[in-house]
């Protein structure tokens, strides 16, 4: 990563962050349940997206990395919401749901990233690419 951030780099991060935040907000609309499924979904989907982007970053323009990997995925995945919702589950007497949320989020994200990177790398090496 560059030590200095240009105005164009900052613009791409901000644009990606805006789009990721809006999509994250849209996913949570209309949800009214105890378990934080929208946050779980956003974090797992964001993990897959970041894994794919990581695997193809050698073909991306540097501005694409700033736009998608840092801006979009950084704002779309919601670690702060994850921690707050887990704490609320715990404090609300739903300790098992809190533990489930942590377990599925962490293990699921790790598993998805670990699986998607080799799949994309294999697809990148396939004939006709």
Protein backbone atom coordinates (compact mmCIF):
# COMPACT_ATOMS: atom_id res chain seq x y z
CA UNK A 1 0.00 0.00 0.00
CA UNK A 2 1.18 3.49 -0.76
CA UNK A 3 2.40 5.60 2.13
CA UNK A 4 0.71 8.69 0.71
CA UNK A 5 -2.96 8.91 -0.12
CA UNK A 6 -3.83 11.04 -3.14
CA UNK A 7 -7.07 12.95 -3.51
CA UNK A 8 -8.19 10.40 -6.13
CA UNK A 9 -7.43 7.54 -3.71
CA UNK A 10 -9.43 9.26 -0.97
CA UNK A 11 -12.31 9.84 -3.40
CA UNK A 12 -12.44 6.15 -4.34
CA UNK A 13 -12.38 5.06 -0.69
CA UNK A 14 -15.16 7.53 0.14
CA UNK A 15 -17.28 6.48 -2.84
CA UNK A 16 -16.89 2.79 -2.00
CA UNK A 17 -17.62 3.52 1.65
CA UNK A 18 -20.79 5.38 0.74
CA UNK A 19 -22.05 2.56 -1.48
CA UNK A 20 -21.16 -0.13 1.07
CA UNK A 21 -22.87 1.76 3.89
CA UNK A 22 -26.03 2.29 1.86
CA UNK A 23 -26.21 -1.36 0.86
CA UNK A 24 -25.66 -2.41 4.49
CA UNK A 25 -28.48 -0.11 5.60
CA UNK A 26 -30.78 -1.46 2.88
CA UNK A 27 -30.15 -5.09 3.94
CA UNK A 28 -31.36 -4.31 7.47
CA UNK A 29 -34.61 -2.61 6.42
CA UNK A 30 -37.74 -4.21 7.75
CA UNK A 31 -35.95 -6.71 9.96
CA UNK A 32 -37.51 -7.16 13.38
CA UNK A 33 -36.08 -10.15 15.15
CA UNK A 34 -33.90 -11.01 18.11
CA UNK A 35 -31.01 -12.56 16.19
CA UNK A 36 -29.05 -10.03 14.08
CA UNK A 37 -29.38 -11.79 10.72
CA UNK A 38 -28.75 -8.66 8.59
CA UNK A 39 -25.38 -8.08 10.28
CA UNK A 40 -24.45 -11.75 9.99
CA UNK A 41 -25.43 -11.76 6.31
CA UNK A 42 -23.48 -8.56 5.59
CA UNK A 43 -20.37 -9.83 7.35
CA UNK A 44 -20.44 -13.21 5.59
CA UNK A 45 -21.21 -11.73 2.17
CA UNK A 46 -18.55 -9.07 2.71
CA UNK A 47 -16.04 -11.80 3.57
CA UNK A 48 -16.79 -13.59 0.31
CA UNK A 49 -16.53 -10.34 -1.65
CA UNK A 50 -13.23 -9.43 -0.01
CA UNK A 51 -11.88 -12.94 -0.67
CA UNK A 52 -12.78 -12.68 -4.36
CA UNK A 53 -11.28 -9.21 -4.61
CA UNK A 54 -8.13 -10.35 -2.84
CA UNK A 55 -7.72 -13.23 -5.29
CA UNK A 56 -8.05 -10.95 -8.33
CA UNK A 57 -6.32 -7.86 -6.98
CA UNK A 58 -3.36 -8.41 -9.32
CA UNK A 59 -5.70 -7.45 -12.18
CA UNK A 60 -7.28 -4.47 -10.43
CA UNK A 61 -6.37 -0.86 -10.91
CA UNK A 62 -5.14 0.62 -7.61
CA UNK A 63 -8.25 2.81 -7.51
CA UNK A 64 -10.35 -0.38 -7.73
CA UNK A 65 -8.62 -1.70 -4.63
CA UNK A 66 -9.41 1.51 -2.78
CA UNK A 67 -12.99 1.61 -4.07
CA UNK A 68 -13.95 -2.02 -3.47
CA UNK A 69 -11.58 -3.58 -0.93
CA UNK A 70 -11.10 -0.66 1.45
CA UNK A 71 -14.14 1.54 0.85
CA UNK A 72 -16.98 -0.81 -0.04
CA UNK A 73 -16.04 -3.90 1.97
CA UNK A 74 -14.80 -1.81 4.88
CA UNK A 75 -18.13 -0.05 5.29
CA UNK A 76 -20.37 -2.93 4.21
CA UNK A 77 -19.04 -5.34 6.82
CA UNK A 78 -20.15 -4.23 10.22
CA UNK A 79 -17.87 -5.32 12.99
CA UNK A 80 -18.98 -2.53 15.32
CA UNK A 81 -22.63 -3.52 14.84
CA UNK A 82 -21.65 -7.16 15.35
CA UNK A 83 -20.07 -6.38 18.72
CA UNK A 84 -22.94 -4.19 19.88
CA UNK A 85 -25.63 -6.68 18.84
CA UNK A 86 -23.74 -9.54 20.49
CA UNK A 87 -23.46 -7.53 23.71
CA UNK A 88 -27.17 -6.69 23.57
CA UNK A 89 -28.02 -10.38 23.13
CA UNK A 90 -25.82 -11.26 26.09
CA UNK A 91 -27.18 -8.51 28.35
CA UNK A 92 -30.75 -9.30 27.27
CA UNK A 93 -30.47 -12.83 28.64
CA UNK A 94 -29.83 -14.48 25.26
CA UNK A 95 -26.30 -15.71 25.99
CA UNK A 96 -26.63 -18.72 23.69
CA UNK A 97 -27.72 -16.52 20.80
CA UNK A 98 -24.76 -14.24 21.52
CA UNK A 99 -22.37 -17.19 21.45
CA UNK A 100 -24.04 -18.49 18.29
CA UNK A 101 -23.64 -15.08 16.66
CA UNK A 102 -19.92 -14.96 17.50
CA UNK A 103 -19.32 -18.57 16.44
CA UNK A 104 -21.17 -18.43 13.12
CA UNK A 105 -19.81 -14.98 12.23
CA UNK A 106 -16.17 -15.76 12.94
CA UNK A 107 -16.08 -19.37 11.73
CA UNK A 108 -18.32 -18.61 8.75
CA UNK A 109 -16.27 -15.63 7.60
CA UNK A 110 -12.99 -17.53 7.95
CA UNK A 111 -14.38 -20.55 6.12
CA UNK A 112 -15.85 -18.47 3.30
CA UNK A 113 -12.64 -16.49 2.75
CA UNK A 114 -10.54 -19.67 2.91
CA UNK A 115 -12.78 -21.35 0.32
CA UNK A 116 -13.38 -18.49 -2.08
CA UNK A 117 -9.73 -17.46 -2.60
CA UNK A 118 -8.59 -20.83 -4.04
CA UNK A 119 -11.77 -21.09 -6.13
CA UNK A 120 -11.19 -17.70 -7.73
CA UNK A 121 -7.47 -18.37 -8.17
CA UNK A 122 -8.28 -21.69 -9.89
CA UNK A 123 -10.80 -19.96 -12.14
CA UNK A 124 -8.18 -17.35 -12.98
CA UNK A 125 -5.79 -20.11 -14.15
CA UNK A 126 -8.40 -21.98 -16.17
CA UNK A 127 -7.96 -22.19 -19.96
CA UNK A 128 -9.57 -19.40 -21.88
CA UNK A 129 -8.69 -16.74 -19.32
